[in-house]
Amino acid sequence: MEKKNDQDMKDARRALPVYKMKNIMRIIVVEGETACTNDHFRPSEKCTGCMSCMAVCALSHEGRSSSEFSGIRIGHFTNEWTLHEKEQMLDHSICRHCPGIPPCDEVCPKHAHFRSDKLGAVLIDHDVCIRCRACVKACPYHACWYSKELDKIVKCDLCHDHDDDPLCIGKCPSLVLKLEKAV
């Protein structure tokens, strides 16, 4: 039997219908009149950094509130490199559920990532994942991380097992989280 090389495997995976989904959704952070879809660090206009989104995510997925268990992360830091006075900056780390083959799965030796049928969310099969953390390094948005306590990779799954929108959207008091179609 002929052994397939890596390129043949990648080409075969690109042909799978799951990677050709057109209705892929993602959560975006709406700040003022613009949406934070690609930039990672930005001045906070509306998001207060209250971390309600993180708390509800961790509680709904793991039954306890801890930033380590949340699929969304909001970090605070001060930008001192601008010409303006010090600005409070927020780091929004949320999976963008990249169309096509996402970078996280491109580097995964076990190809443990797959898409949900409901919203096209990129999910992880934790039974297949070997926790090598290649996906953590490959993600251009720093949107997945390894939880030592849970011994698994954590990322946003768009609350794929709930009937409504992702829970973080409804719990944001500033109304800055929104579900939109990924382009």
N, C-alpha and C. Protein backbone atom coordinates (compact mmCIF):
# COMPACT_ATOMS: atom_id res chain seq x y z
N MET A 1 0.84 -1.19 0.00
CA MET A 1 0.00 0.00 0.00
C MET A 1 0.88 1.24 0.00
N GLU A 2 0.54 2.22 -0.80
CA GLU A 2 1.34 3.44 -0.93
C GLU A 2 1.13 4.34 0.28
N LYS A 3 2.22 4.81 0.85
CA LYS A 3 2.15 5.69 2.01
C LYS A 3 1.98 7.13 1.53
N LYS A 4 1.03 7.86 2.13
CA LYS A 4 0.79 9.25 1.73
C LYS A 4 1.76 10.18 2.45
N ASN A 5 2.24 11.20 1.73
CA ASN A 5 3.11 12.17 2.37
C ASN A 5 2.27 13.27 3.02
N ASP A 6 2.92 14.18 3.74
CA ASP A 6 2.22 15.24 4.46
C ASP A 6 1.41 16.13 3.53
N GLN A 7 1.92 16.45 2.35
CA GLN A 7 1.20 17.33 1.43
C GLN A 7 -0.08 16.66 0.94
N ASP A 8 0.00 15.35 0.65
CA ASP A 8 -1.20 14.62 0.24
C ASP A 8 -2.26 14.65 1.33
N MET A 9 -1.83 14.51 2.58
CA MET A 9 -2.77 14.54 3.70
C MET A 9 -3.40 15.92 3.83
N LYS A 10 -2.61 16.98 3.68
CA LYS A 10 -3.15 18.34 3.78
C LYS A 10 -4.15 18.61 2.66
N ASP A 11 -3.83 18.17 1.44
CA ASP A 11 -4.73 18.36 0.32
C ASP A 11 -6.04 17.61 0.55
N ALA A 12 -5.95 16.41 1.09
CA ALA A 12 -7.15 15.63 1.36
C ALA A 12 -8.00 16.31 2.43
N ARG A 13 -7.38 16.88 3.45
CA ARG A 13 -8.11 17.55 4.52
C ARG A 13 -8.77 18.82 4.00
N ARG A 14 -8.12 19.55 3.10
CA ARG A 14 -8.71 20.76 2.53
C ARG A 14 -9.98 20.43 1.74
N ALA A 15 -10.05 19.23 1.20
CA ALA A 15 -11.21 18.83 0.40
C ALA A 15 -12.41 18.44 1.27
N LEU A 16 -12.18 18.21 2.55
CA LEU A 16 -13.28 17.83 3.44
C LEU A 16 -14.30 18.96 3.54
N PRO A 17 -15.59 18.64 3.48
CA PRO A 17 -16.62 19.67 3.53
C PRO A 17 -16.57 20.52 4.80
N VAL A 18 -16.11 19.95 5.90
CA VAL A 18 -16.08 20.69 7.16
C VAL A 18 -15.18 21.93 7.07
N TYR A 19 -14.15 21.88 6.24
CA TYR A 19 -13.26 23.03 6.10
C TYR A 19 -13.75 24.01 5.04
N LYS A 20 -14.82 23.67 4.35
CA LYS A 20 -15.37 24.56 3.33
C LYS A 20 -16.66 25.21 3.79
N MET A 21 -16.95 25.13 5.08
CA MET A 21 -18.17 25.73 5.62
C MET A 21 -18.19 27.22 5.31
N LYS A 22 -19.35 27.74 4.98
CA LYS A 22 -19.48 29.15 4.67
C LYS A 22 -20.07 29.95 5.83
N ASN A 23 -20.77 29.31 6.74
CA ASN A 23 -21.40 30.01 7.85
C ASN A 23 -20.62 29.84 9.13
N ILE A 24 -19.40 30.29 9.13
CA ILE A 24 -18.55 30.21 10.31
C ILE A 24 -18.77 31.48 11.13
N MET A 25 -19.09 31.30 12.40
CA MET A 25 -19.36 32.43 13.28
C MET A 25 -18.18 32.65 14.22
N ARG A 26 -18.09 33.86 14.76
CA ARG A 26 -17.07 34.17 15.75
C ARG A 26 -17.57 35.30 16.62
N ILE A 27 -16.95 35.45 17.79
CA ILE A 27 -17.27 36.54 18.70
C ILE A 27 -16.30 37.68 18.42
N ILE A 28 -16.81 38.89 18.33
CA ILE A 28 -15.94 40.05 18.16
C ILE A 28 -16.17 41.01 19.32
N VAL A 29 -15.20 41.85 19.57
CA VAL A 29 -15.30 42.89 20.59
C VAL A 29 -15.59 44.18 19.87
N VAL A 30 -16.73 44.78 20.14
CA VAL A 30 -17.13 46.03 19.50
C VAL A 30 -16.68 47.17 20.39
N GLU A 31 -15.86 48.04 19.85
CA GLU A 31 -15.35 49.19 20.60
C GLU A 31 -15.71 50.46 19.85
N GLY A 32 -16.60 51.23 20.38
CA GLY A 32 -17.00 52.45 19.68
C GLY A 32 -17.68 52.08 18.38
N GLU A 33 -17.18 52.60 17.29
CA GLU A 33 -17.78 52.35 15.98
C GLU A 33 -17.09 51.22 15.22
N THR A 34 -16.03 50.66 15.77
CA THR A 34 -15.27 49.65 15.05
C THR A 34 -15.34 48.31 15.78
N ALA A 35 -15.00 47.27 15.06
CA ALA A 35 -14.95 45.93 15.65
C ALA A 35 -13.51 45.48 15.72
N CYS A 36 -13.13 44.93 16.85
CA CYS A 36 -11.77 44.44 17.05
C CYS A 36 -11.73 42.99 16.56
N THR A 37 -11.45 42.79 15.28
CA THR A 37 -11.45 41.43 14.74
C THR A 37 -10.04 40.92 14.51
N ASN A 38 -9.10 41.77 14.24
CA ASN A 38 -7.75 41.31 13.96
C ASN A 38 -6.70 41.87 14.92
N ASP A 39 -6.86 43.10 15.34
CA ASP A 39 -5.86 43.66 16.24
C ASP A 39 -6.06 43.07 17.62
N HIS A 40 -4.96 42.89 18.32
CA HIS A 40 -4.97 42.18 19.58
C HIS A 40 -5.02 43.15 20.76
N PHE A 41 -4.14 44.12 20.78
CA PHE A 41 -4.10 45.10 21.86
C PHE A 41 -4.69 46.40 21.36
N ARG A 42 -5.56 46.99 22.12
CA ARG A 42 -6.14 48.26 21.69
C ARG A 42 -6.60 49.04 22.91
N PRO A 43 -6.74 50.36 22.78
CA PRO A 43 -7.25 51.15 23.89
C PRO A 43 -8.69 50.74 24.18
N SER A 44 -9.06 50.77 25.43
CA SER A 44 -10.42 50.41 25.80
C SER A 44 -11.32 51.62 25.69
N GLU A 45 -12.35 51.53 24.85
CA GLU A 45 -13.34 52.59 24.74
C GLU A 45 -14.62 52.22 25.47
N LYS A 46 -15.07 50.98 25.30
CA LYS A 46 -16.31 50.54 25.92
C LYS A 46 -16.10 49.41 26.92
N CYS A 47 -15.22 48.47 26.61
CA CYS A 47 -14.98 47.34 27.50
C CYS A 47 -14.34 47.85 28.79
N THR A 48 -14.95 47.51 29.91
CA THR A 48 -14.43 47.98 31.20
C THR A 48 -13.43 47.00 31.80
N GLY A 49 -13.31 45.84 31.21
CA GLY A 49 -12.40 44.84 31.75
C GLY A 49 -12.93 44.17 33.01
N CYS A 50 -14.25 44.12 33.14
CA CYS A 50 -14.86 43.56 34.36
C CYS A 50 -14.70 42.05 34.46
N MET A 51 -14.44 41.39 33.34
CA MET A 51 -14.19 39.96 33.25
C MET A 51 -15.43 39.10 33.52
N SER A 52 -16.62 39.68 33.38
CA SER A 52 -17.85 38.89 33.51
C SER A 52 -17.88 37.79 32.46
N CYS A 53 -17.40 38.09 31.25
CA CYS A 53 -17.38 37.10 30.17
C CYS A 53 -16.52 35.90 30.56
N MET A 54 -15.39 36.17 31.19
CA MET A 54 -14.49 35.09 31.60
C MET A 54 -15.13 34.24 32.69
N ALA A 55 -15.79 34.89 33.63
CA ALA A 55 -16.41 34.17 34.74
C ALA A 55 -17.52 33.25 34.25
N VAL A 56 -18.41 33.76 33.40
CA VAL A 56 -19.52 32.93 32.93
C VAL A 56 -19.02 31.79 32.04
N CYS A 57 -17.97 32.03 31.28
CA CYS A 57 -17.40 30.99 30.44
C CYS A 57 -16.85 29.85 31.30
N ALA A 58 -16.03 30.19 32.27
CA ALA A 58 -15.43 29.17 33.14
C ALA A 58 -16.50 28.42 33.94
N LEU A 59 -17.47 29.16 34.46
CA LEU A 59 -18.53 28.52 35.24
C LEU A 59 -19.35 27.56 34.39
N SER A 60 -19.68 27.95 33.19
CA SER A 60 -20.53 27.11 32.35
C SER A 60 -19.79 25.88 31.82
N HIS A 61 -18.48 25.99 31.63
CA HIS A 61 -17.73 24.87 31.08
C HIS A 61 -17.11 23.96 32.14
N GLU A 62 -16.63 24.57 33.21
CA GLU A 62 -15.90 23.78 34.22
C GLU A 62 -16.53 23.81 35.61
N GLY A 63 -17.60 24.59 35.78
CA GLY A 63 -18.30 24.61 37.07
C GLY A 63 -17.65 25.46 38.14
N ARG A 64 -16.62 26.20 37.78
CA ARG A 64 -15.96 27.11 38.73
C ARG A 64 -15.32 28.25 37.97
N SER A 65 -15.20 29.36 38.66
CA SER A 65 -14.71 30.58 38.02
C SER A 65 -13.21 30.71 38.20
N SER A 66 -12.50 30.64 37.10
CA SER A 66 -11.05 30.82 37.10
C SER A 66 -10.65 31.24 35.70
N SER A 67 -9.77 32.22 35.60
CA SER A 67 -9.34 32.67 34.27
C SER A 67 -8.65 31.55 33.50
N GLU A 68 -8.10 30.58 34.21
CA GLU A 68 -7.42 29.46 33.55
C GLU A 68 -8.42 28.55 32.82
N PHE A 69 -9.68 28.56 33.24
CA PHE A 69 -10.68 27.67 32.65
C PHE A 69 -11.54 28.36 31.60
N SER A 70 -11.35 29.64 31.38
CA SER A 70 -12.19 30.41 30.48
C SER A 70 -11.66 30.35 29.04
N GLY A 71 -12.57 30.26 28.08
CA GLY A 71 -12.19 30.26 26.67
C GLY A 71 -12.02 31.66 26.10
N ILE A 72 -12.18 32.66 26.93
CA ILE A 72 -11.97 34.05 26.54
C ILE A 72 -11.11 34.68 27.63
N ARG A 73 -10.19 35.52 27.24
CA ARG A 73 -9.34 36.18 28.23
C ARG A 73 -9.29 37.68 27.96
N ILE A 74 -9.41 38.43 29.03
CA ILE A 74 -9.25 39.88 28.97
C ILE A 74 -8.10 40.23 29.91
N GLY A 75 -7.07 40.84 29.38
CA GLY A 75 -5.92 41.22 30.18
C GLY A 75 -5.75 42.73 30.18
N HIS A 76 -5.26 43.26 31.28
CA HIS A 76 -5.03 44.70 31.41
C HIS A 76 -3.54 44.99 31.32
N PHE A 77 -3.19 46.07 30.65
CA PHE A 77 -1.83 46.56 30.70
C PHE A 77 -1.84 48.04 30.33
N THR A 78 -0.77 48.71 30.64
CA THR A 78 -0.67 50.14 30.36
C THR A 78 0.28 50.37 29.21
N ASN A 79 -0.17 51.12 28.23
CA ASN A 79 0.65 51.45 27.08
C ASN A 79 1.39 52.76 27.37
N GLU A 80 2.68 52.68 27.48
CA GLU A 80 3.48 53.87 27.76
C GLU A 80 4.29 54.29 26.54
N TRP A 81 4.03 53.69 25.38
CA TRP A 81 4.84 53.94 24.20
C TRP A 81 4.19 54.89 23.21
N THR A 82 3.04 55.41 23.55
CA THR A 82 2.40 56.37 22.64
C THR A 82 2.80 57.78 23.04
N LEU A 83 2.47 58.73 22.19
CA LEU A 83 2.76 60.12 22.50
C LEU A 83 1.74 60.70 23.48
N HIS A 84 0.63 59.98 23.65
CA HIS A 84 -0.41 60.44 24.56
C HIS A 84 -0.03 60.08 25.99
N GLU A 85 -0.87 60.51 26.92
CA GLU A 85 -0.68 60.08 28.30
C GLU A 85 -0.87 58.57 28.36
N LYS A 86 -0.51 57.98 29.48
CA LYS A 86 -0.66 56.53 29.62
C LYS A 86 -2.10 56.13 29.32
N GLU A 87 -2.24 55.10 28.49
CA GLU A 87 -3.57 54.61 28.14
C GLU A 87 -3.76 53.24 28.77
N GLN A 88 -4.96 53.01 29.29
CA GLN A 88 -5.28 51.67 29.76
C GLN A 88 -5.61 50.83 28.53
N MET A 89 -4.88 49.76 28.32
CA MET A 89 -5.09 48.89 27.17
C MET A 89 -5.66 47.57 27.66
N LEU A 90 -6.43 46.94 26.81
CA LEU A 90 -6.97 45.63 27.10
C LEU A 90 -6.53 44.66 26.02
N ASP A 91 -6.21 43.48 26.42
CA ASP A 91 -5.82 42.40 25.53
C ASP A 91 -7.01 41.45 25.47
N HIS A 92 -7.68 41.39 24.33
CA HIS A 92 -8.83 40.50 24.15
C HIS A 92 -8.35 39.24 23.43
N SER A 93 -8.32 38.13 24.12
CA SER A 93 -7.91 36.87 23.50
C SER A 93 -9.14 35.99 23.31
N ILE A 94 -9.62 35.95 22.07
CA ILE A 94 -10.80 35.18 21.73
C ILE A 94 -10.52 34.46 20.42
N CYS A 95 -10.86 33.19 20.33
CA CYS A 95 -10.66 32.44 19.10
C CYS A 95 -11.47 33.05 17.97
N ARG A 96 -10.84 33.24 16.82
CA ARG A 96 -11.52 33.82 15.66
C ARG A 96 -12.16 32.75 14.78
N HIS A 97 -11.99 31.47 15.13
CA HIS A 97 -12.56 30.35 14.37
C HIS A 97 -12.26 30.51 12.89
N CYS A 98 -10.97 30.61 12.61
CA CYS A 98 -10.47 30.91 11.27
C CYS A 98 -11.11 30.04 10.19
N PRO A 99 -11.51 30.65 9.08
CA PRO A 99 -12.05 29.88 7.96
C PRO A 99 -10.98 28.96 7.37
N GLY A 100 -11.39 27.95 6.63
CA GLY A 100 -10.45 27.01 6.04
C GLY A 100 -9.84 26.15 7.12
N ILE A 101 -8.62 25.72 6.89
CA ILE A 101 -7.91 24.96 7.93
C ILE A 101 -7.24 25.98 8.85
N PRO A 102 -7.66 26.05 10.10
CA PRO A 102 -7.09 27.05 11.01
C PRO A 102 -5.62 26.73 11.33
N PRO A 103 -4.83 27.77 11.63
CA PRO A 103 -3.41 27.55 11.94
C PRO A 103 -3.19 26.55 13.08
N CYS A 104 -4.11 26.52 14.04
CA CYS A 104 -3.96 25.60 15.17
C CYS A 104 -4.02 24.15 14.71
N ASP A 105 -4.88 23.85 13.75
CA ASP A 105 -4.98 22.47 13.27
C ASP A 105 -3.92 22.15 12.23
N GLU A 106 -3.48 23.16 11.52
CA GLU A 106 -2.42 22.99 10.51
C GLU A 106 -1.17 22.37 11.15
N VAL A 107 -0.85 22.77 12.39
CA VAL A 107 0.36 22.30 13.05
C VAL A 107 0.12 21.13 14.00
N CYS A 108 -1.13 20.79 14.23
CA CYS A 108 -1.45 19.73 15.19
C CYS A 108 -1.04 18.36 14.63
N PRO A 109 -0.16 17.65 15.33
CA PRO A 109 0.29 16.35 14.81
C PRO A 109 -0.83 15.31 14.76
N LYS A 110 -1.85 15.47 15.57
CA LYS A 110 -2.97 14.52 15.60
C LYS A 110 -4.22 15.06 14.92
N HIS A 111 -4.17 16.29 14.45
CA HIS A 111 -5.33 16.95 13.83
C HIS A 111 -6.57 16.79 14.71
N ALA A 112 -6.41 17.21 15.96
CA ALA A 112 -7.45 17.06 16.97
C ALA A 112 -8.53 18.13 16.89
N HIS A 113 -8.39 19.07 15.97
CA HIS A 113 -9.38 20.14 15.82
C HIS A 113 -10.42 19.75 14.78
N PHE A 114 -11.64 20.18 15.01
CA PHE A 114 -12.72 19.94 14.06
C PHE A 114 -13.73 21.08 14.19
N ARG A 115 -14.66 21.16 13.27
CA ARG A 115 -15.68 22.22 13.30
C ARG A 115 -17.01 21.66 13.79
N SER A 116 -17.70 22.48 14.59
CA SER A 116 -19.05 22.11 15.01
C SER A 116 -20.00 22.36 13.85
N ASP A 117 -21.04 21.59 13.78
CA ASP A 117 -22.05 21.78 12.73
C ASP A 117 -22.87 23.03 12.98
N LYS A 118 -23.06 23.37 14.25
CA LYS A 118 -23.97 24.45 14.62
C LYS A 118 -23.49 25.82 14.14
N LEU A 119 -22.31 26.24 14.55
CA LEU A 119 -21.82 27.58 14.22
C LEU A 119 -20.49 27.58 13.47
N GLY A 120 -19.96 26.40 13.20
CA GLY A 120 -18.67 26.33 12.52
C GLY A 120 -17.51 26.61 13.45
N ALA A 121 -17.75 26.49 14.75
CA ALA A 121 -16.69 26.75 15.73
C ALA A 121 -15.59 25.70 15.61
N VAL A 122 -14.35 26.13 15.75
CA VAL A 122 -13.23 25.20 15.79
C VAL A 122 -13.17 24.64 17.20
N LEU A 123 -13.33 23.33 17.30
CA LEU A 123 -13.34 22.64 18.59
C LEU A 123 -12.16 21.70 18.67
N ILE A 124 -11.88 21.22 19.87
CA ILE A 124 -10.77 20.30 20.09
C ILE A 124 -11.34 18.98 20.60
N ASP A 125 -10.93 17.89 20.00
CA ASP A 125 -11.27 16.56 20.50
C ASP A 125 -10.21 16.23 21.55
N HIS A 126 -10.58 16.39 22.81
CA HIS A 126 -9.61 16.23 23.89
C HIS A 126 -9.15 14.79 24.07
N ASP A 127 -9.90 13.84 23.52
CA ASP A 127 -9.46 12.43 23.56
C ASP A 127 -8.35 12.17 22.56
N VAL A 128 -8.31 12.96 21.49
CA VAL A 128 -7.29 12.80 20.45
C VAL A 128 -6.07 13.68 20.74
N CYS A 129 -6.30 14.85 21.33
CA CYS A 129 -5.24 15.82 21.62
C CYS A 129 -4.17 15.21 22.54
N ILE A 130 -2.90 15.41 22.18
CA ILE A 130 -1.79 14.90 22.99
C ILE A 130 -1.15 15.99 23.84
N ARG A 131 -1.73 17.18 23.83
CA ARG A 131 -1.31 18.30 24.67
C ARG A 131 0.14 18.74 24.40
N CYS A 132 0.52 18.70 23.12
CA CYS A 132 1.88 19.11 22.73
C CYS A 132 2.02 20.62 22.71
N ARG A 133 0.90 21.33 22.67
CA ARG A 133 0.82 22.80 22.69
C ARG A 133 1.29 23.46 21.39
N ALA A 134 1.38 22.71 20.32
CA ALA A 134 1.75 23.30 19.02
C ALA A 134 0.69 24.32 18.60
N CYS A 135 -0.57 24.05 18.89
CA CYS A 135 -1.65 24.97 18.53
C CYS A 135 -1.53 26.28 19.29
N VAL A 136 -1.10 26.21 20.54
CA VAL A 136 -0.93 27.41 21.36
C VAL A 136 0.11 28.33 20.73
N LYS A 137 1.19 27.74 20.27
CA LYS A 137 2.26 28.52 19.64
C LYS A 137 1.85 29.05 18.25
N ALA A 138 1.02 28.29 17.54
CA ALA A 138 0.67 28.64 16.17
C ALA A 138 -0.43 29.69 16.07
N CYS A 139 -1.25 29.83 17.09
CA CYS A 139 -2.39 30.74 17.01
C CYS A 139 -1.92 32.19 16.93
N PRO A 140 -2.26 32.90 15.84
CA PRO A 140 -1.81 34.29 15.70
C PRO A 140 -2.53 35.25 16.65
N TYR A 141 -3.60 34.79 17.29
CA TYR A 141 -4.39 35.64 18.18
C TYR A 141 -4.20 35.30 19.65
N HIS A 142 -3.30 34.38 19.95
CA HIS A 142 -3.06 33.95 21.34
C HIS A 142 -4.37 33.55 22.00
N ALA A 143 -5.20 32.82 21.24
CA ALA A 143 -6.56 32.55 21.68
C ALA A 143 -6.78 31.14 22.22
N CYS A 144 -5.72 30.40 22.45
CA CYS A 144 -5.85 29.11 23.13
C CYS A 144 -4.64 28.97 24.06
N TRP A 145 -4.83 28.24 25.12
CA TRP A 145 -3.78 28.10 26.12
C TRP A 145 -3.92 26.75 26.80
N TYR A 146 -2.84 26.32 27.42
CA TYR A 146 -2.83 25.05 28.14
C TYR A 146 -3.16 25.31 29.60
N SER A 147 -4.14 24.57 30.12
CA SER A 147 -4.47 24.63 31.53
C SER A 147 -3.83 23.44 32.21
N LYS A 148 -2.88 23.73 33.07
CA LYS A 148 -2.19 22.66 33.78
C LYS A 148 -3.16 21.93 34.71
N GLU A 149 -4.03 22.70 35.37
CA GLU A 149 -4.97 22.08 36.30
C GLU A 149 -5.96 21.16 35.60
N LEU A 150 -6.46 21.57 34.43
CA LEU A 150 -7.40 20.75 33.68
C LEU A 150 -6.69 19.73 32.78
N ASP A 151 -5.40 19.93 32.55
CA ASP A 151 -4.59 19.12 31.64
C ASP A 151 -5.23 19.05 30.26
N LYS A 152 -5.55 20.23 29.73
CA LYS A 152 -6.08 20.30 28.38
C LYS A 152 -5.89 21.69 27.81
N ILE A 153 -6.03 21.81 26.50
CA ILE A 153 -5.99 23.09 25.82
C ILE A 153 -7.38 23.72 25.96
N VAL A 154 -7.40 25.01 26.30
CA VAL A 154 -8.65 25.73 26.50
C VAL A 154 -8.77 26.81 25.43
N LYS A 155 -9.95 26.95 24.85
CA LYS A 155 -10.23 27.98 23.86
C LYS A 155 -11.73 28.18 23.76
N CYS A 156 -12.14 29.25 23.13
CA CYS A 156 -13.56 29.52 22.92
C CYS A 156 -14.17 28.46 22.01
N ASP A 157 -15.33 27.95 22.42
CA ASP A 157 -16.04 26.98 21.59
C ASP A 157 -17.41 27.50 21.17
N LEU A 158 -17.62 28.81 21.32
CA LEU A 158 -18.89 29.46 21.01
C LEU A 158 -20.07 28.80 21.72
N CYS A 159 -19.78 28.21 22.89
CA CYS A 159 -20.82 27.53 23.69
C CYS A 159 -21.63 26.61 22.79
N HIS A 160 -20.93 25.80 22.00
CA HIS A 160 -21.57 24.95 20.99
C HIS A 160 -22.61 23.99 21.56
N ASP A 161 -22.54 23.68 22.84
CA ASP A 161 -23.51 22.75 23.41
C ASP A 161 -24.69 23.45 24.08
N HIS A 162 -24.80 24.77 23.94
CA HIS A 162 -25.96 25.53 24.43
C HIS A 162 -26.86 25.86 23.25
N ASP A 163 -28.12 26.11 23.54
CA ASP A 163 -29.08 26.39 22.46
C ASP A 163 -29.02 27.82 21.95
N ASP A 164 -28.62 28.75 22.79
CA ASP A 164 -28.64 30.17 22.42
C ASP A 164 -27.25 30.65 22.02
N ASP A 165 -27.10 31.97 21.91
CA ASP A 165 -25.80 32.58 21.63
C ASP A 165 -24.81 32.23 22.73
N PRO A 166 -23.52 32.39 22.47
CA PRO A 166 -22.52 32.17 23.52
C PRO A 166 -22.87 32.97 24.78
N LEU A 167 -22.67 32.37 25.94
CA LEU A 167 -23.08 32.97 27.20
C LEU A 167 -22.39 34.28 27.51
N CYS A 168 -21.15 34.44 27.08
CA CYS A 168 -20.40 35.67 27.39
C CYS A 168 -21.08 36.90 26.79
N ILE A 169 -21.72 36.72 25.64
CA ILE A 169 -22.38 37.85 24.97
C ILE A 169 -23.49 38.42 25.84
N GLY A 170 -24.30 37.55 26.42
CA GLY A 170 -25.41 38.00 27.25
C GLY A 170 -25.01 38.52 28.61
N LYS A 171 -23.82 38.18 29.07
CA LYS A 171 -23.38 38.61 30.41
C LYS A 171 -22.50 39.85 30.39
N CYS A 172 -22.18 40.37 29.22
CA CYS A 172 -21.33 41.55 29.14
C CYS A 172 -22.14 42.80 29.48
N PRO A 173 -21.85 43.47 30.60
CA PRO A 173 -22.63 44.65 30.97
C PRO A 173 -22.41 45.85 30.04
N SER A 174 -21.29 45.88 29.33
CA SER A 174 -21.01 46.98 28.41
C SER A 174 -21.50 46.70 26.99
N LEU A 175 -22.03 45.51 26.77
CA LEU A 175 -22.56 45.10 25.47
C LEU A 175 -21.53 45.23 24.34
N VAL A 176 -20.31 44.82 24.61
CA VAL A 176 -19.27 44.94 23.59
C VAL A 176 -18.99 43.63 22.85
N LEU A 177 -19.56 42.53 23.31
CA LEU A 177 -19.36 41.25 22.62
C LEU A 177 -20.52 40.99 21.68
N LYS A 178 -20.19 40.51 20.50
CA LYS A 178 -21.20 40.30 19.47
C LYS A 178 -20.81 39.07 18.65
N LEU A 179 -21.80 38.32 18.19
CA LEU A 179 -21.56 37.18 17.33
C LEU A 179 -21.73 37.63 15.89
N GLU A 180 -20.74 37.35 15.04
CA GLU A 180 -20.83 37.75 13.64
C GLU A 180 -20.28 36.63 12.76
N LYS A 181 -20.60 36.72 11.50
CA LYS A 181 -20.10 35.76 10.53
C LYS A 181 -18.64 36.07 10.22
N ALA A 182 -17.80 35.05 10.28
CA ALA A 182 -16.38 35.24 9.95
C ALA A 182 -16.25 35.39 8.44
N VAL A 183 -15.35 36.25 8.02
CA VAL A 183 -15.17 36.45 6.58
C VAL A 183 -13.98 35.69 6.07
